[in-house]
Amino acid sequence: KLIQSTVGEENYLEVFVDCPLEVCERRDVKGLYEKARK
């Protein structure tokens, strides 16, 4: 909402990249989930 109010509601187009947590963890291209779990 802060972003939207800064740039104007009519200019803010939000794309929600909806991917299940388990899929993101399997990808874990940066190794961050493993570190977070530890």
Full PDB file with SEQRES, HELIX, SHEET, SSBOND, CRYST1, ORIGX, SCALE, CONECT and MASTER records, all heavy atoms in Angstrom:
SEQRES   1 A   38  LYS LEU ILE GLN SER THR VAL GLY GLU GLU ASN TYR LEU          
SEQRES   2 A   38  GLU VAL PHE VAL ASP CYS PRO LEU GLU VAL CYS GLU ARG          
SEQRES   3 A   38  ARG ASP VAL LYS GLY LEU TYR GLU LYS ALA ARG LYS              
HELIX    1 AA1 LEU A    2  VAL A    7  1                                   6    
HELIX    2 AA2 GLU A    9  ASN A   11  5                                   3    
HELIX    3 AA3 LEU A   21  ARG A   27  1                                   7    
HELIX    4 AA4 LEU A   32  ARG A   37  1                                   6    
CRYST1    1.000    1.000    1.000  90.00  90.00  90.00 P 1           1          
ORIGX1      1.000000  0.000000  0.000000        0.00000                         
ORIGX2      0.000000  1.000000  0.000000        0.00000                         
ORIGX3      0.000000  0.000000  1.000000        0.00000                         
SCALE1      1.000000  0.000000  0.000000        0.00000                         
SCALE2      0.000000  1.000000  0.000000        0.00000                         
SCALE3      0.000000  0.000000  1.000000        0.00000                         
ATOM      1  N   LYS A   1       0.836  -1.209   0.000  1.00  0.00           N  
ATOM      2  CA  LYS A   1       0.000   0.000   0.000  1.00  0.00           C  
ATOM      3  C   LYS A   1       0.864   1.249   0.000  1.00  0.00           C  
ATOM      4  O   LYS A   1       0.522   2.264  -0.615  1.00  0.00           O  
ATOM      5  CB  LYS A   1      -0.937   0.003   1.211  1.00  0.00           C  
ATOM      6  CG  LYS A   1      -2.021  -1.058   1.180  1.00  0.00           C  
ATOM      7  CD  LYS A   1      -3.044  -0.774   0.097  1.00  0.00           C  
ATOM      8  CE  LYS A   1      -4.182  -1.797   0.141  1.00  0.00           C  
ATOM      9  NZ  LYS A   1      -5.079  -1.638  -1.029  1.00  0.00           N  
ATOM     10  N   LEU A   2       2.000   1.197   0.689  1.00  0.00           N  
ATOM     11  CA  LEU A   2       2.933   2.322   0.705  1.00  0.00           C  
ATOM     12  C   LEU A   2       3.455   2.605  -0.704  1.00  0.00           C  
ATOM     13  O   LEU A   2       3.520   3.766  -1.131  1.00  0.00           O  
ATOM     14  CB  LEU A   2       4.101   2.018   1.652  1.00  0.00           C  
ATOM     15  CG  LEU A   2       5.290   2.989   1.613  1.00  0.00           C  
ATOM     16  CD1 LEU A   2       4.881   4.366   2.110  1.00  0.00           C  
ATOM     17  CD2 LEU A   2       6.458   2.453   2.431  1.00  0.00           C  
ATOM     18  N   ILE A   3       3.807   1.561  -1.422  1.00  0.00           N  
ATOM     19  CA  ILE A   3       4.276   1.725  -2.802  1.00  0.00           C  
ATOM     20  C   ILE A   3       3.185   2.361  -3.644  1.00  0.00           C  
ATOM     21  O   ILE A   3       3.408   3.323  -4.392  1.00  0.00           O  
ATOM     22  CB  ILE A   3       4.680   0.373  -3.414  1.00  0.00           C  
ATOM     23  CG1 ILE A   3       5.746  -0.320  -2.576  1.00  0.00           C  
ATOM     24  CG2 ILE A   3       5.165   0.544  -4.851  1.00  0.00           C  
ATOM     25  CD1 ILE A   3       5.823  -1.817  -2.789  1.00  0.00           C  
ATOM     26  N   GLN A   4       1.998   1.814  -3.518  1.00  0.00           N  
ATOM     27  CA  GLN A   4       0.850   2.305  -4.287  1.00  0.00           C  
ATOM     28  C   GLN A   4       0.584   3.782  -4.018  1.00  0.00           C  
ATOM     29  O   GLN A   4       0.352   4.560  -4.952  1.00  0.00           O  
ATOM     30  CB  GLN A   4      -0.382   1.472  -3.927  1.00  0.00           C  
ATOM     31  CG  GLN A   4      -1.594   1.742  -4.782  1.00  0.00           C  
ATOM     32  CD  GLN A   4      -2.757   0.855  -4.363  1.00  0.00           C  
ATOM     33  OE1 GLN A   4      -3.255   0.946  -3.236  1.00  0.00           O  
ATOM     34  NE2 GLN A   4      -3.184  -0.019  -5.244  1.00  0.00           N  
ATOM     35  N   SER A   5       0.652   4.175  -2.758  1.00  0.00           N  
ATOM     36  CA  SER A   5       0.397   5.586  -2.429  1.00  0.00           C  
ATOM     37  C   SER A   5       1.526   6.488  -2.923  1.00  0.00           C  
ATOM     38  O   SER A   5       1.305   7.653  -3.245  1.00  0.00           O  
ATOM     39  CB  SER A   5       0.195   5.763  -0.922  1.00  0.00           C  
ATOM     40  OG  SER A   5       1.390   5.491  -0.223  1.00  0.00           O  
ATOM     41  N   THR A   6       2.745   5.951  -3.018  1.00  0.00           N  
ATOM     42  CA  THR A   6       3.887   6.744  -3.484  1.00  0.00           C  
ATOM     43  C   THR A   6       3.813   7.019  -4.977  1.00  0.00           C  
ATOM     44  O   THR A   6       4.061   8.145  -5.424  1.00  0.00           O  
ATOM     45  CB  THR A   6       5.213   6.022  -3.161  1.00  0.00           C  
ATOM     46  OG1 THR A   6       5.299   5.810  -1.742  1.00  0.00           O  
ATOM     47  CG2 THR A   6       6.420   6.836  -3.623  1.00  0.00           C  
ATOM     48  N   VAL A   7       3.471   6.014  -5.756  1.00  0.00           N  
ATOM     49  CA  VAL A   7       3.478   6.173  -7.222  1.00  0.00           C  
ATOM     50  C   VAL A   7       2.100   6.485  -7.788  1.00  0.00           C  
ATOM     51  O   VAL A   7       1.972   6.828  -8.968  1.00  0.00           O  
ATOM     52  CB  VAL A   7       4.052   4.921  -7.924  1.00  0.00           C  
ATOM     53  CG1 VAL A   7       5.461   4.631  -7.432  1.00  0.00           C  
ATOM     54  CG2 VAL A   7       3.147   3.709  -7.756  1.00  0.00           C  
ATOM     55  N   GLY A   8       1.060   6.361  -6.985  1.00  0.00           N  
ATOM     56  CA  GLY A   8      -0.300   6.598  -7.458  1.00  0.00           C  
ATOM     57  C   GLY A   8      -0.998   5.289  -7.787  1.00  0.00           C  
ATOM     58  O   GLY A   8      -0.427   4.434  -8.472  1.00  0.00           O  
ATOM     59  N   GLU A   9      -2.203   5.136  -7.280  1.00  0.00           N  
ATOM     60  CA  GLU A   9      -2.942   3.888  -7.439  1.00  0.00           C  
ATOM     61  C   GLU A   9      -3.092   3.490  -8.899  1.00  0.00           C  
ATOM     62  O   GLU A   9      -2.983   2.324  -9.262  1.00  0.00           O  
ATOM     63  CB  GLU A   9      -4.324   4.020  -6.791  1.00  0.00           C  
ATOM     64  CG  GLU A   9      -5.136   2.751  -6.796  1.00  0.00           C  
ATOM     65  CD  GLU A   9      -6.458   2.902  -6.062  1.00  0.00           C  
ATOM     66  OE1 GLU A   9      -6.664   3.935  -5.398  1.00  0.00           O  
ATOM     67  OE2 GLU A   9      -7.280   1.973  -6.162  1.00  0.00           O  
ATOM     68  N   GLU A  10      -3.320   4.488  -9.767  1.00  0.00           N  
ATOM     69  CA  GLU A  10      -3.541   4.209 -11.192  1.00  0.00           C  
ATOM     70  C   GLU A  10      -2.265   3.760 -11.907  1.00  0.00           C  
ATOM     71  O   GLU A  10      -2.321   3.221 -13.018  1.00  0.00           O  
ATOM     72  CB  GLU A  10      -4.127   5.440 -11.884  1.00  0.00           C  
ATOM     73  CG  GLU A  10      -3.172   6.616 -12.034  1.00  0.00           C  
ATOM     74  CD  GLU A  10      -2.932   7.444 -10.765  1.00  0.00           C  
ATOM     75  OE1 GLU A  10      -3.470   7.088  -9.691  1.00  0.00           O  
ATOM     76  OE2 GLU A  10      -2.198   8.444 -10.863  1.00  0.00           O  
ATOM     77  N   ASN A  11      -1.123   3.972 -11.279  1.00  0.00           N  
ATOM     78  CA  ASN A  11       0.167   3.638 -11.902  1.00  0.00           C  
ATOM     79  C   ASN A  11       0.770   2.339 -11.372  1.00  0.00           C  
ATOM     80  O   ASN A  11       1.791   1.880 -11.877  1.00  0.00           O  
ATOM     81  CB  ASN A  11       1.179   4.766 -11.644  1.00  0.00           C  
ATOM     82  CG  ASN A  11       0.711   6.082 -12.208  1.00  0.00           C  
ATOM     83  OD1 ASN A  11       0.177   6.149 -13.302  1.00  0.00           O  
ATOM     84  ND2 ASN A  11       0.895   7.146 -11.445  1.00  0.00           N  
ATOM     85  N   TYR A  12       0.161   1.763 -10.341  1.00  0.00           N  
ATOM     86  CA  TYR A  12       0.721   0.602  -9.656  1.00  0.00           C  
ATOM     87  C   TYR A  12       0.013  -0.668 -10.122  1.00  0.00           C  
ATOM     88  O   TYR A  12      -1.182  -0.853  -9.893  1.00  0.00           O  
ATOM     89  CB  TYR A  12       0.550   0.776  -8.145  1.00  0.00           C  
ATOM     90  CG  TYR A  12       1.027  -0.396  -7.317  1.00  0.00           C  
ATOM     91  CD1 TYR A  12       2.382  -0.679  -7.176  1.00  0.00           C  
ATOM     92  CD2 TYR A  12       0.110  -1.220  -6.652  1.00  0.00           C  
ATOM     93  CE1 TYR A  12       2.817  -1.748  -6.402  1.00  0.00           C  
ATOM     94  CE2 TYR A  12       0.537  -2.286  -5.873  1.00  0.00           C  
ATOM     95  CZ  TYR A  12       1.885  -2.536  -5.750  1.00  0.00           C  
ATOM     96  OH  TYR A  12       2.310  -3.598  -4.983  1.00  0.00           O  
ATOM     97  N   LEU A  13       0.776  -1.538 -10.785  1.00  0.00           N  
ATOM     98  CA  LEU A  13       0.230  -2.794 -11.303  1.00  0.00           C  
ATOM     99  C   LEU A  13       0.958  -3.947 -10.608  1.00  0.00           C  
ATOM    100  O   LEU A  13       2.131  -4.194 -10.865  1.00  0.00           O  
ATOM    101  CB  LEU A  13       0.416  -2.879 -12.820  1.00  0.00           C  
ATOM    102  CG  LEU A  13      -0.187  -1.720 -13.637  1.00  0.00           C  
ATOM    103  CD1 LEU A  13       0.154  -1.874 -15.111  1.00  0.00           C  
ATOM    104  CD2 LEU A  13      -1.683  -1.625 -13.433  1.00  0.00           C  
ATOM    105  N   GLU A  14       0.241  -4.630  -9.739  1.00  0.00           N  
ATOM    106  CA  GLU A  14       0.841  -5.663  -8.911  1.00  0.00           C  
ATOM    107  C   GLU A  14       0.671  -7.042  -9.554  1.00  0.00           C  
ATOM    108  O   GLU A  14      -0.434  -7.433  -9.904  1.00  0.00           O  
ATOM    109  CB  GLU A  14       0.156  -5.638  -7.544  1.00  0.00           C  
ATOM    110  CG  GLU A  14       0.782  -6.497  -6.495  1.00  0.00           C  
ATOM    111  CD  GLU A  14       0.095  -6.258  -5.165  1.00  0.00           C  
ATOM    112  OE1 GLU A  14       0.539  -5.349  -4.427  1.00  0.00           O  
ATOM    113  OE2 GLU A  14      -0.899  -6.960  -4.873  1.00  0.00           O  
ATOM    114  N   VAL A  15       1.786  -7.745  -9.697  1.00  0.00           N  
ATOM    115  CA  VAL A  15       1.756  -9.110 -10.227  1.00  0.00           C  
ATOM    116  C   VAL A  15       2.137 -10.052  -9.092  1.00  0.00           C  
ATOM    117  O   VAL A  15       3.282 -10.049  -8.622  1.00  0.00           O  
ATOM    118  CB  VAL A  15       2.714  -9.289 -11.419  1.00  0.00           C  
ATOM    119  CG1 VAL A  15       2.681 -10.738 -11.913  1.00  0.00           C  
ATOM    120  CG2 VAL A  15       2.350  -8.331 -12.546  1.00  0.00           C  
ATOM    121  N   PHE A  16       1.169 -10.840  -8.660  1.00  0.00           N  
ATOM    122  CA  PHE A  16       1.415 -11.813  -7.602  1.00  0.00           C  
ATOM    123  C   PHE A  16       1.909 -13.107  -8.233  1.00  0.00           C  
ATOM    124  O   PHE A  16       1.192 -13.763  -8.982  1.00  0.00           O  
ATOM    125  CB  PHE A  16       0.133 -12.055  -6.805  1.00  0.00           C  
ATOM    126  CG  PHE A  16       0.216 -13.174  -5.806  1.00  0.00           C  
ATOM    127  CD1 PHE A  16       1.382 -13.417  -5.087  1.00  0.00           C  
ATOM    128  CD2 PHE A  16      -0.887 -13.977  -5.561  1.00  0.00           C  
ATOM    129  CE1 PHE A  16       1.460 -14.453  -4.161  1.00  0.00           C  
ATOM    130  CE2 PHE A  16      -0.832 -15.015  -4.637  1.00  0.00           C  
ATOM    131  CZ  PHE A  16       0.343 -15.248  -3.937  1.00  0.00           C  
ATOM    132  N   VAL A  17       3.170 -13.455  -7.951  1.00  0.00           N  
ATOM    133  CA  VAL A  17       3.744 -14.697  -8.460  1.00  0.00           C  
ATOM    134  C   VAL A  17       3.436 -15.770  -7.415  1.00  0.00           C  
ATOM    135  O   VAL A  17       4.114 -15.897  -6.400  1.00  0.00           O  
ATOM    136  CB  VAL A  17       5.253 -14.565  -8.734  1.00  0.00           C  
ATOM    137  CG1 VAL A  17       5.778 -15.847  -9.369  1.00  0.00           C  
ATOM    138  CG2 VAL A  17       5.529 -13.364  -9.639  1.00  0.00           C  
ATOM    139  N   ASP A  18       2.360 -16.499  -7.689  1.00  0.00           N  
ATOM    140  CA  ASP A  18       1.794 -17.452  -6.741  1.00  0.00           C  
ATOM    141  C   ASP A  18       2.437 -18.823  -6.945  1.00  0.00           C  
ATOM    142  O   ASP A  18       2.153 -19.521  -7.914  1.00  0.00           O  
ATOM    143  CB  ASP A  18       0.279 -17.525  -6.960  1.00  0.00           C  
ATOM    144  CG  ASP A  18      -0.422 -18.414  -5.957  1.00  0.00           C  
ATOM    145  OD1 ASP A  18       0.240 -18.866  -5.005  1.00  0.00           O  
ATOM    146  OD2 ASP A  18      -1.627 -18.655  -6.130  1.00  0.00           O  
ATOM    147  N   CYS A  19       3.325 -19.170  -6.026  1.00  0.00           N  
ATOM    148  CA  CYS A  19       4.036 -20.444  -6.109  1.00  0.00           C  
ATOM    149  C   CYS A  19       4.075 -21.047  -4.713  1.00  0.00           C  
ATOM    150  O   CYS A  19       4.461 -20.372  -3.761  1.00  0.00           O  
ATOM    151  CB  CYS A  19       5.454 -20.210  -6.635  1.00  0.00           C  
ATOM    152  SG  CYS A  19       6.388 -21.714  -6.956  1.00  0.00           S  
ATOM    153  N   PRO A  20       3.656 -22.304  -4.551  1.00  0.00           N  
ATOM    154  CA  PRO A  20       3.622 -22.912  -3.224  1.00  0.00           C  
ATOM    155  C   PRO A  20       4.999 -22.922  -2.548  1.00  0.00           C  
ATOM    156  O   PRO A  20       6.033 -23.060  -3.212  1.00  0.00           O  
ATOM    157  CB  PRO A  20       3.143 -24.342  -3.493  1.00  0.00           C  
ATOM    158  CG  PRO A  20       2.450 -24.280  -4.814  1.00  0.00           C  
ATOM    159  CD  PRO A  20       3.169 -23.229  -5.592  1.00  0.00           C  
ATOM    160  N   LEU A  21       4.985 -22.778  -1.241  1.00  0.00           N  
ATOM    161  CA  LEU A  21       6.223 -22.757  -0.462  1.00  0.00           C  
ATOM    162  C   LEU A  21       7.079 -23.992  -0.745  1.00  0.00           C  
ATOM    163  O   LEU A  21       8.298 -23.885  -0.916  1.00  0.00           O  
ATOM    164  CB  LEU A  21       5.900 -22.673   1.034  1.00  0.00           C  
ATOM    165  CG  LEU A  21       7.089 -22.740   1.987  1.00  0.00           C  
ATOM    166  CD1 LEU A  21       8.056 -21.592   1.748  1.00  0.00           C  
ATOM    167  CD2 LEU A  21       6.603 -22.747   3.436  1.00  0.00           C  
ATOM    168  N   GLU A  22       6.439 -25.173  -0.828  1.00  0.00           N  
ATOM    169  CA  GLU A  22       7.220 -26.396  -1.029  1.00  0.00           C  
ATOM    170  C   GLU A  22       7.941 -26.399  -2.378  1.00  0.00           C  
ATOM    171  O   GLU A  22       9.046 -26.939  -2.500  1.00  0.00           O  
ATOM    172  CB  GLU A  22       6.346 -27.648  -0.884  1.00  0.00           C  
ATOM    173  CG  GLU A  22       5.159 -27.742  -1.813  1.00  0.00           C  
ATOM    174  CD  GLU A  22       3.883 -27.120  -1.251  1.00  0.00           C  
ATOM    175  OE1 GLU A  22       3.976 -26.286  -0.322  1.00  0.00           O  
ATOM    176  OE2 GLU A  22       2.795 -27.471  -1.743  1.00  0.00           O  
ATOM    177  N   VAL A  23       7.349 -25.768  -3.389  1.00  0.00           N  
ATOM    178  CA  VAL A  23       7.999 -25.669  -4.699  1.00  0.00           C  
ATOM    179  C   VAL A  23       9.180 -24.697  -4.608  1.00  0.00           C  
ATOM    180  O   VAL A  23      10.265 -24.974  -5.112  1.00  0.00           O  
ATOM    181  CB  VAL A  23       7.006 -25.220  -5.785  1.00  0.00           C  
ATOM    182  CG1 VAL A  23       7.719 -24.995  -7.122  1.00  0.00           C  
ATOM    183  CG2 VAL A  23       5.894 -26.253  -5.951  1.00  0.00           C  
ATOM    184  N   CYS A  24       8.963 -23.569  -3.951  1.00  0.00           N  
ATOM    185  CA  CYS A  24      10.042 -22.593  -3.773  1.00  0.00           C  
ATOM    186  C   CYS A  24      11.213 -23.207  -3.003  1.00  0.00           C  
ATOM    187  O   CYS A  24      12.372 -22.973  -3.340  1.00  0.00           O  
ATOM    188  CB  CYS A  24       9.521 -21.362  -3.033  1.00  0.00           C  
ATOM    189  SG  CYS A  24       8.290 -20.406  -3.934  1.00  0.00           S  
ATOM    190  N   GLU A  25      10.887 -23.996  -1.997  1.00  0.00           N  
ATOM    191  CA  GLU A  25      11.953 -24.654  -1.217  1.00  0.00           C  
ATOM    192  C   GLU A  25      12.702 -25.678  -2.043  1.00  0.00           C  
ATOM    193  O   GLU A  25      13.920 -25.832  -1.902  1.00  0.00           O  
ATOM    194  CB  GLU A  25      11.363 -25.311   0.025  1.00  0.00           C  
ATOM    195  CG  GLU A  25      11.055 -24.343   1.135  1.00  0.00           C  
ATOM    196  CD  GLU A  25      10.960 -25.021   2.484  1.00  0.00           C  
ATOM    197  OE1 GLU A  25      12.016 -25.378   3.046  1.00  0.00           O  
ATOM    198  OE2 GLU A  25       9.831 -25.189   2.980  1.00  0.00           O  
ATOM    199  N   ARG A  26      11.994 -26.391  -2.891  1.00  0.00           N  
ATOM    200  CA  ARG A  26      12.670 -27.383  -3.753  1.00  0.00           C  
ATOM    201  C   ARG A  26      13.618 -26.675  -4.712  1.00  0.00           C  
ATOM    202  O   ARG A  26      14.705 -27.174  -4.991  1.00  0.00           O  
ATOM    203  CB  ARG A  26      11.641 -28.207  -4.540  1.00  0.00           C  
ATOM    204  CG  ARG A  26      11.064 -29.372  -3.773  1.00  0.00           C  
ATOM    205  CD  ARG A  26      10.489 -30.440  -4.682  1.00  0.00           C  
ATOM    206  NE  ARG A  26       9.540 -29.929  -5.658  1.00  0.00           N  
ATOM    207  CZ  ARG A  26       8.224 -29.817  -5.432  1.00  0.00           C  
ATOM    208  NH1 ARG A  26       7.710 -30.163  -4.267  1.00  0.00           N  
ATOM    209  NH2 ARG A  26       7.428 -29.361  -6.379  1.00  0.00           N  
ATOM    210  N   ARG A  27      13.209 -25.548  -5.221  1.00  0.00           N  
ATOM    211  CA  ARG A  27      14.075 -24.787  -6.135  1.00  0.00           C  
ATOM    212  C   ARG A  27      15.284 -24.258  -5.355  1.00  0.00           C  
ATOM    213  O   ARG A  27      16.415 -24.475  -5.744  1.00  0.00           O  
ATOM    214  CB  ARG A  27      13.302 -23.614  -6.752  1.00  0.00           C  
ATOM    215  CG  ARG A  27      12.191 -24.031  -7.693  1.00  0.00           C  
ATOM    216  CD  ARG A  27      11.390 -22.821  -8.121  1.00  0.00           C  
ATOM    217  NE  ARG A  27      10.344 -23.166  -9.083  1.00  0.00           N  
ATOM    218  CZ  ARG A  27       9.408 -22.307  -9.482  1.00  0.00           C  
ATOM    219  NH1 ARG A  27       9.395 -21.076  -9.018  1.00  0.00           N  
ATOM    220  NH2 ARG A  27       8.492 -22.692 -10.358  1.00  0.00           N  
ATOM    221  N   ASP A  28      15.019 -23.518  -4.300  1.00  0.00           N  
ATOM    222  CA  ASP A  28      16.024 -22.944  -3.391  1.00  0.00           C  
ATOM    223  C   ASP A  28      17.337 -22.617  -4.097  1.00  0.00           C  
ATOM    224  O   ASP A  28      18.422 -23.034  -3.662  1.00  0.00           O  
ATOM    225  CB  ASP A  28      16.279 -23.890  -2.216  1.00  0.00           C  
ATOM    226  CG  ASP A  28      16.839 -23.147  -0.986  1.00  0.00           C  
ATOM    227  OD1 ASP A  28      16.812 -21.902  -0.978  1.00  0.00           O  
ATOM    228  OD2 ASP A  28      17.310 -23.813  -0.057  1.00  0.00           O  
ATOM    229  N   VAL A  29      17.224 -21.867  -5.194  1.00  0.00           N  
ATOM    230  CA  VAL A  29      18.397 -21.586  -6.034  1.00  0.00           C  
ATOM    231  C   VAL A  29      19.503 -20.842  -5.287  1.00  0.00           C  
ATOM    232  O   VAL A  29      20.677 -20.935  -5.654  1.00  0.00           O  
ATOM    233  CB  VAL A  29      17.984 -20.794  -7.303  1.00  0.00           C  
ATOM    234  CG1 VAL A  29      17.162 -21.659  -8.229  1.00  0.00           C  
ATOM    235  CG2 VAL A  29      17.202 -19.537  -6.932  1.00  0.00           C  
ATOM    236  N   LYS A  30      19.149 -20.111  -4.239  1.00  0.00           N  
ATOM    237  CA  LYS A  30      20.150 -19.347  -3.490  1.00  0.00           C  
ATOM    238  C   LYS A  30      20.540 -20.029  -2.176  1.00  0.00           C  
ATOM    239  O   LYS A  30      21.382 -19.513  -1.444  1.00  0.00           O  
ATOM    240  CB  LYS A  30      19.619 -17.934  -3.203  1.00  0.00           C  
ATOM    241  CG  LYS A  30      19.267 -17.150  -4.463  1.00  0.00           C  
ATOM    242  CD  LYS A  30      18.584 -15.841  -4.113  1.00  0.00           C  
ATOM    243  CE  LYS A  30      18.105 -15.117  -5.365  1.00  0.00           C  
ATOM    244  NZ  LYS A  30      17.345 -13.897  -5.026  1.00  0.00           N  
ATOM    245  N   GLY A  31      19.910 -21.155  -1.871  1.00  0.00           N  
ATOM    246  CA  GLY A  31      20.209 -21.859  -0.633  1.00  0.00           C  
ATOM    247  C   GLY A  31      19.682 -21.176   0.621  1.00  0.00           C  
ATOM    248  O   GLY A  31      20.099 -21.489   1.738  1.00  0.00           O  
ATOM    249  N   LEU A  32      18.741 -20.253   0.445  1.00  0.00           N  
ATOM    250  CA  LEU A  32      18.267 -19.458   1.572  1.00  0.00           C  
ATOM    251  C   LEU A  32      17.286 -20.211   2.464  1.00  0.00           C  
ATOM    252  O   LEU A  32      17.302 -20.044   3.691  1.00  0.00           O  
ATOM    253  CB  LEU A  32      17.624 -18.161   1.056  1.00  0.00           C  
ATOM    254  CG  LEU A  32      18.547 -17.249   0.244  1.00  0.00           C  
ATOM    255  CD1 LEU A  32      17.790 -16.046  -0.278  1.00  0.00           C  
ATOM    256  CD2 LEU A  32      19.743 -16.818   1.087  1.00  0.00           C  
ATOM    257  N   TYR A  33      16.441 -21.023   1.854  1.00  0.00           N  
ATOM    258  CA  TYR A  33      15.469 -21.776   2.665  1.00  0.00           C  
ATOM    259  C   TYR A  33      16.181 -22.750   3.600  1.00  0.00           C  
ATOM    260  O   TYR A  33      15.802 -22.898   4.761  1.00  0.00           O  
ATOM    261  CB  TYR A  33      14.480 -22.523   1.762  1.00  0.00           C  
ATOM    262  CG  TYR A  33      13.423 -21.638   1.170  1.00  0.00           C  
ATOM    263  CD1 TYR A  33      13.502 -21.203  -0.149  1.00  0.00           C  
ATOM    264  CD2 TYR A  33      12.331 -21.219   1.933  1.00  0.00           C  
ATOM    265  CE1 TYR A  33      12.530 -20.372  -0.697  1.00  0.00           C  
ATOM    266  CE2 TYR A  33      11.354 -20.393   1.395  1.00  0.00           C  
ATOM    267  CZ  TYR A  33      11.460 -19.965   0.084  1.00  0.00           C  
ATOM    268  OH  TYR A  33      10.491 -19.143  -0.456  1.00  0.00           O  
ATOM    269  N   GLU A  34      17.199 -23.398   3.081  1.00  0.00           N  
ATOM    270  CA  GLU A  34      17.958 -24.334   3.915  1.00  0.00           C  
ATOM    271  C   GLU A  34      18.565 -23.611   5.111  1.00  0.00           C  
ATOM    272  O   GLU A  34      18.500 -24.095   6.250  1.00  0.00           O  
ATOM    273  CB  GLU A  34      19.055 -25.004   3.079  1.00  0.00           C  
ATOM    274  CG  GLU A  34      19.841 -26.052   3.845  1.00  0.00           C  
ATOM    275  CD  GLU A  34      20.929 -26.713   3.008  1.00  0.00           C  
ATOM    276  OE1 GLU A  34      21.087 -26.358   1.826  1.00  0.00           O  
ATOM    277  OE2 GLU A  34      21.620 -27.584   3.558  1.00  0.00           O  
ATOM    278  N   LYS A  35      19.126 -22.427   4.863  1.00  0.00           N  
ATOM    279  CA  LYS A  35      19.714 -21.643   5.953  1.00  0.00           C  
ATOM    280  C   LYS A  35      18.647 -21.197   6.944  1.00  0.00           C  
ATOM    281  O   LYS A  35      18.864 -21.228   8.162  1.00  0.00           O  
ATOM    282  CB  LYS A  35      20.445 -20.424   5.394  1.00  0.00           C  
ATOM    283  CG  LYS A  35      21.737 -20.755   4.668  1.00  0.00           C  
ATOM    284  CD  LYS A  35      22.414 -19.496   4.157  1.00  0.00           C  
ATOM    285  CE  LYS A  35      23.711 -19.827   3.429  1.00  0.00           C  
ATOM    286  NZ  LYS A  35      24.358 -18.609   2.880  1.00  0.00           N  
ATOM    287  N   ALA A  36      17.485 -20.790   6.416  1.00  0.00           N  
ATOM    288  CA  ALA A  36      16.395 -20.351   7.299  1.00  0.00           C  
ATOM    289  C   ALA A  36      15.889 -21.497   8.163  1.00  0.00           C  
ATOM    290  O   ALA A  36      15.613 -21.324   9.356  1.00  0.00           O  
ATOM    291  CB  ALA A  36      15.257 -19.767   6.466  1.00  0.00           C  
ATOM    292  N   ARG A  37      15.775 -22.685   7.575  1.00  0.00           N  
ATOM    293  CA  ARG A  37      15.326 -23.866   8.326  1.00  0.00           C  
ATOM    294  C   ARG A  37      16.326 -24.239   9.431  1.00  0.00           C  
ATOM    295  O   ARG A  37      15.935 -24.779  10.467  1.00  0.00           O  
ATOM    296  CB  ARG A  37      15.139 -25.056   7.377  1.00  0.00           C  
ATOM    297  CG  ARG A  37      13.984 -24.944   6.419  1.00  0.00           C  
ATOM    298  CD  ARG A  37      12.662 -25.113   7.098  1.00  0.00           C  
ATOM    299  NE  ARG A  37      11.548 -25.157   6.144  1.00  0.00           N  
ATOM    300  CZ  ARG A  37      10.285 -25.062   6.481  1.00  0.00           C  
ATOM    301  NH1 ARG A  37       9.948 -24.912   7.754  1.00  0.00           N  
ATOM    302  NH2 ARG A  37       9.337 -25.108   5.566  1.00  0.00           N  
ATOM    303  N   LYS A  38      17.594 -23.933   9.206  1.00  0.00           N  
ATOM    304  CA  LYS A  38      18.629 -24.228  10.204  1.00  0.00           C  
ATOM    305  C   LYS A  38      18.775 -23.109  11.233  1.00  0.00           C  
ATOM    306  O   LYS A  38      19.613 -23.187  12.121  1.00  0.00           O  
ATOM    307  CB  LYS A  38      19.980 -24.449   9.511  1.00  0.00           C  
ATOM    308  CG  LYS A  38      20.043 -25.715   8.674  1.00  0.00           C  
ATOM    309  CD  LYS A  38      21.393 -25.831   7.972  1.00  0.00           C  
ATOM    310  CE  LYS A  38      21.499 -27.116   7.162  1.00  0.00           C  
ATOM    311  NZ  LYS A  38      22.771 -27.192   6.413  1.00  0.00           N  
TER     312      LYS A  38                                                      
MASTER        0    0    0    4    0    0    0    6  311    1    0    3          
END                                                                             
